[in-house]
Amino acid sequence: MDIKQIVKNNVVRFSRYRQGHAYYCVDVPAVNATYSFPVPLDDVGDATLLSVDKALVFMRYIRKAMDEGTFIREPEAASHHIAYSVRAEARP
């Protein structure tokens, strides 16, 4: 998977919180699937985490998850298929 293709004109959506990590989902068009990845809250500092945001803002966390094996394909029934434009609810 090419990370540039994942984040280009795409958004992430908050999925859940567990043990110090916010989990976000992103649609990966190349494989027509939704993947989740963790964002450690201790790494966020005083930044604002939005429910929907530009995938480009989360590129470092997506790359880290891919490298560490925590970029996980979501089951079909649980997929969040994010059909939003980057403008919808995302940062300007």
N, C-alpha and C. Protein backbone atom coordinates (compact mmCIF):
# COMPACT_ATOMS: atom_id res chain seq x y z
N MET A 1 0.83 -1.18 0.00
CA MET A 1 0.00 0.00 0.00
C MET A 1 0.88 1.24 0.00
N ASP A 2 0.49 2.21 -0.78
CA ASP A 2 1.21 3.47 -0.88
C ASP A 2 0.55 4.50 0.03
N ILE A 3 1.27 4.97 1.03
CA ILE A 3 0.69 5.88 2.01
C ILE A 3 0.22 7.19 1.36
N LYS A 4 0.91 7.64 0.32
CA LYS A 4 0.50 8.88 -0.34
C LYS A 4 -0.88 8.72 -0.97
N GLN A 5 -1.15 7.55 -1.52
CA GLN A 5 -2.47 7.31 -2.11
C GLN A 5 -3.55 7.17 -1.04
N ILE A 6 -3.17 6.72 0.14
CA ILE A 6 -4.13 6.58 1.23
C ILE A 6 -4.56 7.95 1.74
N VAL A 7 -3.63 8.86 1.91
CA VAL A 7 -3.95 10.16 2.51
C VAL A 7 -4.44 11.21 1.51
N LYS A 8 -4.17 11.00 0.24
CA LYS A 8 -4.54 12.00 -0.78
C LYS A 8 -6.06 12.14 -0.87
N ASN A 9 -6.55 13.37 -0.65
CA ASN A 9 -7.98 13.68 -0.75
C ASN A 9 -8.84 12.72 0.05
N ASN A 10 -8.39 12.36 1.24
CA ASN A 10 -9.09 11.38 2.06
C ASN A 10 -9.26 11.94 3.48
N VAL A 11 -10.13 11.31 4.24
CA VAL A 11 -10.35 11.72 5.62
C VAL A 11 -10.23 10.51 6.53
N VAL A 12 -10.01 10.80 7.81
CA VAL A 12 -10.05 9.78 8.86
C VAL A 12 -11.25 10.08 9.74
N ARG A 13 -11.76 9.05 10.40
CA ARG A 13 -12.90 9.20 11.30
C ARG A 13 -12.59 8.50 12.61
N PHE A 14 -12.86 9.23 13.72
CA PHE A 14 -12.66 8.64 15.03
C PHE A 14 -13.54 7.41 15.19
N SER A 15 -12.96 6.34 15.72
CA SER A 15 -13.69 5.10 15.88
C SER A 15 -13.95 4.76 17.35
N ARG A 16 -12.88 4.82 18.17
CA ARG A 16 -13.01 4.40 19.56
C ARG A 16 -11.79 4.84 20.36
N TYR A 17 -11.89 4.74 21.68
CA TYR A 17 -10.78 5.01 22.58
C TYR A 17 -10.54 3.75 23.40
N ARG A 18 -9.26 3.41 23.61
CA ARG A 18 -8.93 2.25 24.45
C ARG A 18 -7.51 2.40 24.96
N GLN A 19 -7.34 2.30 26.26
CA GLN A 19 -6.04 2.26 26.93
C GLN A 19 -5.03 3.30 26.42
N GLY A 20 -5.43 4.55 26.45
CA GLY A 20 -4.51 5.62 26.09
C GLY A 20 -4.34 5.86 24.61
N HIS A 21 -5.15 5.22 23.79
CA HIS A 21 -5.07 5.40 22.34
C HIS A 21 -6.43 5.77 21.77
N ALA A 22 -6.43 6.75 20.88
CA ALA A 22 -7.62 7.05 20.08
C ALA A 22 -7.43 6.25 18.79
N TYR A 23 -8.45 5.53 18.37
CA TYR A 23 -8.38 4.75 17.14
C TYR A 23 -9.19 5.45 16.06
N TYR A 24 -8.56 5.61 14.92
CA TYR A 24 -9.20 6.23 13.76
C TYR A 24 -9.30 5.21 12.64
N CYS A 25 -10.27 5.42 11.75
CA CYS A 25 -10.44 4.58 10.57
C CYS A 25 -10.22 5.42 9.32
N VAL A 26 -9.71 4.78 8.31
CA VAL A 26 -9.50 5.43 7.02
C VAL A 26 -9.84 4.43 5.92
N ASP A 27 -10.53 4.91 4.89
CA ASP A 27 -10.80 4.05 3.73
C ASP A 27 -9.55 3.99 2.87
N VAL A 28 -9.22 2.79 2.39
CA VAL A 28 -8.07 2.60 1.51
C VAL A 28 -8.63 2.20 0.14
N PRO A 29 -8.75 3.16 -0.78
CA PRO A 29 -9.39 2.91 -2.06
C PRO A 29 -8.73 1.79 -2.89
N ALA A 30 -7.41 1.65 -2.80
CA ALA A 30 -6.71 0.65 -3.62
C ALA A 30 -7.18 -0.77 -3.34
N VAL A 31 -7.63 -1.02 -2.11
CA VAL A 31 -8.09 -2.37 -1.74
C VAL A 31 -9.57 -2.38 -1.37
N ASN A 32 -10.22 -1.22 -1.52
CA ASN A 32 -11.66 -1.10 -1.23
C ASN A 32 -11.99 -1.63 0.17
N ALA A 33 -11.24 -1.16 1.16
CA ALA A 33 -11.44 -1.61 2.54
C ALA A 33 -11.16 -0.47 3.50
N THR A 34 -11.63 -0.63 4.72
CA THR A 34 -11.39 0.34 5.78
C THR A 34 -10.38 -0.24 6.76
N TYR A 35 -9.42 0.58 7.15
CA TYR A 35 -8.39 0.18 8.10
C TYR A 35 -8.45 1.09 9.32
N SER A 36 -8.07 0.55 10.47
CA SER A 36 -7.98 1.35 11.68
C SER A 36 -6.52 1.43 12.12
N PHE A 37 -6.22 2.48 12.88
CA PHE A 37 -4.87 2.69 13.39
C PHE A 37 -4.93 3.48 14.69
N PRO A 38 -3.97 3.26 15.59
CA PRO A 38 -3.97 3.94 16.87
C PRO A 38 -3.24 5.29 16.82
N VAL A 39 -3.72 6.20 17.65
CA VAL A 39 -3.05 7.48 17.86
C VAL A 39 -2.82 7.58 19.37
N PRO A 40 -1.56 7.46 19.83
CA PRO A 40 -1.30 7.52 21.28
C PRO A 40 -1.57 8.92 21.81
N LEU A 41 -2.41 9.01 22.83
CA LEU A 41 -2.79 10.31 23.37
C LEU A 41 -1.63 11.05 24.02
N ASP A 42 -0.66 10.31 24.57
CA ASP A 42 0.49 10.98 25.17
C ASP A 42 1.36 11.67 24.12
N ASP A 43 1.19 11.31 22.85
CA ASP A 43 1.93 11.90 21.75
C ASP A 43 1.21 13.13 21.17
N VAL A 44 -0.06 13.27 21.49
CA VAL A 44 -0.88 14.33 20.91
C VAL A 44 -0.62 15.69 21.57
N GLY A 45 -0.29 15.67 22.84
CA GLY A 45 -0.04 16.92 23.55
C GLY A 45 -1.30 17.73 23.70
N ASP A 46 -1.26 19.00 23.32
CA ASP A 46 -2.43 19.87 23.46
C ASP A 46 -3.18 20.04 22.13
N ALA A 47 -2.90 19.19 21.16
CA ALA A 47 -3.61 19.25 19.87
C ALA A 47 -5.06 18.84 20.04
N THR A 48 -5.90 19.30 19.13
CA THR A 48 -7.31 18.95 19.13
C THR A 48 -7.53 17.76 18.20
N LEU A 49 -8.17 16.73 18.70
CA LEU A 49 -8.53 15.58 17.87
C LEU A 49 -9.99 15.75 17.44
N LEU A 50 -10.21 15.88 16.15
CA LEU A 50 -11.56 16.03 15.61
C LEU A 50 -12.15 14.66 15.29
N SER A 51 -13.46 14.57 15.22
CA SER A 51 -14.09 13.29 14.88
C SER A 51 -13.84 12.92 13.43
N VAL A 52 -13.76 13.91 12.56
CA VAL A 52 -13.41 13.71 11.15
C VAL A 52 -12.35 14.74 10.80
N ASP A 53 -11.28 14.29 10.17
CA ASP A 53 -10.19 15.19 9.84
C ASP A 53 -9.51 14.73 8.56
N LYS A 54 -8.68 15.60 8.00
CA LYS A 54 -7.93 15.24 6.80
C LYS A 54 -6.96 14.11 7.13
N ALA A 55 -6.90 13.12 6.27
CA ALA A 55 -5.99 11.99 6.48
C ALA A 55 -4.54 12.45 6.48
N LEU A 56 -4.24 13.48 5.73
CA LEU A 56 -2.87 13.99 5.65
C LEU A 56 -2.35 14.40 7.03
N VAL A 57 -3.22 14.93 7.89
CA VAL A 57 -2.83 15.34 9.24
C VAL A 57 -2.37 14.13 10.06
N PHE A 58 -2.89 12.94 9.73
CA PHE A 58 -2.58 11.71 10.48
C PHE A 58 -1.57 10.81 9.76
N MET A 59 -0.91 11.35 8.76
CA MET A 59 0.02 10.55 7.96
C MET A 59 1.09 9.88 8.82
N ARG A 60 1.64 10.59 9.79
CA ARG A 60 2.71 9.99 10.61
C ARG A 60 2.20 8.80 11.41
N TYR A 61 0.95 8.88 11.89
CA TYR A 61 0.38 7.77 12.67
C TYR A 61 0.03 6.59 11.76
N ILE A 62 -0.43 6.88 10.56
CA ILE A 62 -0.73 5.80 9.60
C ILE A 62 0.57 5.09 9.23
N ARG A 63 1.61 5.86 8.93
CA ARG A 63 2.91 5.26 8.57
C ARG A 63 3.45 4.41 9.72
N LYS A 64 3.38 4.95 10.94
CA LYS A 64 3.87 4.21 12.11
C LYS A 64 3.08 2.91 12.29
N ALA A 65 1.77 2.96 12.12
CA ALA A 65 0.92 1.77 12.26
C ALA A 65 1.26 0.74 11.18
N MET A 66 1.53 1.19 9.97
CA MET A 66 1.91 0.26 8.90
C MET A 66 3.24 -0.41 9.24
N ASP A 67 4.19 0.36 9.76
CA ASP A 67 5.51 -0.19 10.12
C ASP A 67 5.43 -1.16 11.29
N GLU A 68 4.53 -0.87 12.26
CA GLU A 68 4.44 -1.68 13.48
C GLU A 68 3.39 -2.80 13.40
N GLY A 69 2.68 -2.90 12.28
CA GLY A 69 1.68 -3.95 12.14
C GLY A 69 0.38 -3.65 12.87
N THR A 70 0.13 -2.38 13.18
CA THR A 70 -1.11 -2.02 13.86
C THR A 70 -2.09 -1.29 12.94
N PHE A 71 -1.82 -1.32 11.65
CA PHE A 71 -2.74 -0.80 10.62
C PHE A 71 -3.61 -1.98 10.23
N ILE A 72 -4.78 -2.08 10.84
CA ILE A 72 -5.59 -3.29 10.80
C ILE A 72 -6.82 -3.12 9.92
N ARG A 73 -7.01 -4.09 9.03
CA ARG A 73 -8.21 -4.08 8.19
C ARG A 73 -9.44 -4.37 9.05
N GLU A 74 -10.45 -3.53 8.95
CA GLU A 74 -11.69 -3.69 9.69
C GLU A 74 -12.57 -4.73 9.00
N PRO A 75 -13.29 -5.53 9.77
CA PRO A 75 -14.23 -6.48 9.17
C PRO A 75 -15.29 -5.72 8.38
N GLU A 76 -15.81 -6.32 7.34
CA GLU A 76 -16.81 -5.68 6.47
C GLU A 76 -17.97 -5.12 7.27
N ALA A 77 -18.52 -5.90 8.20
CA ALA A 77 -19.70 -5.46 8.96
C ALA A 77 -19.38 -4.26 9.85
N ALA A 78 -18.14 -4.12 10.25
CA ALA A 78 -17.76 -3.04 11.15
C ALA A 78 -17.16 -1.85 10.42
N SER A 79 -17.01 -1.95 9.11
CA SER A 79 -16.40 -0.87 8.35
C SER A 79 -17.22 0.40 8.45
N HIS A 80 -16.51 1.50 8.41
CA HIS A 80 -17.17 2.79 8.54
C HIS A 80 -17.26 3.50 7.20
N HIS A 81 -16.92 2.87 6.13
CA HIS A 81 -16.90 3.43 4.78
C HIS A 81 -17.14 4.93 4.78
N ILE A 82 -16.07 5.64 4.82
CA ILE A 82 -16.10 7.09 4.93
C ILE A 82 -16.32 7.70 3.56
N ALA A 83 -17.53 8.07 3.29
CA ALA A 83 -17.86 8.66 2.00
C ALA A 83 -18.03 10.16 2.14
N TYR A 84 -17.05 10.80 2.75
CA TYR A 84 -17.09 12.24 2.96
C TYR A 84 -16.00 12.89 2.12
N SER A 85 -16.28 14.08 1.66
CA SER A 85 -15.23 14.83 0.99
C SER A 85 -14.31 15.39 2.07
N VAL A 86 -13.15 15.84 1.68
CA VAL A 86 -12.21 16.40 2.63
C VAL A 86 -12.83 17.63 3.29
N ARG A 87 -13.69 18.35 2.61
CA ARG A 87 -14.33 19.54 3.16
C ARG A 87 -15.30 19.18 4.28
N ALA A 88 -15.97 18.07 4.15
CA ALA A 88 -17.02 17.71 5.12
C ALA A 88 -16.44 17.48 6.50
N GLU A 89 -16.73 18.34 7.41
CA GLU A 89 -16.36 18.25 8.81
C GLU A 89 -14.86 18.27 9.07
N ALA A 90 -14.04 18.39 8.06
CA ALA A 90 -12.59 18.35 8.24
C ALA A 90 -12.04 19.76 8.38
N ARG A 91 -10.80 19.83 8.78
CA ARG A 91 -10.13 21.12 8.94
C ARG A 91 -10.12 21.87 7.62
N PRO A 92 -10.16 23.18 7.68
CA PRO A 92 -10.05 24.00 6.45
C PRO A 92 -8.67 23.94 5.86
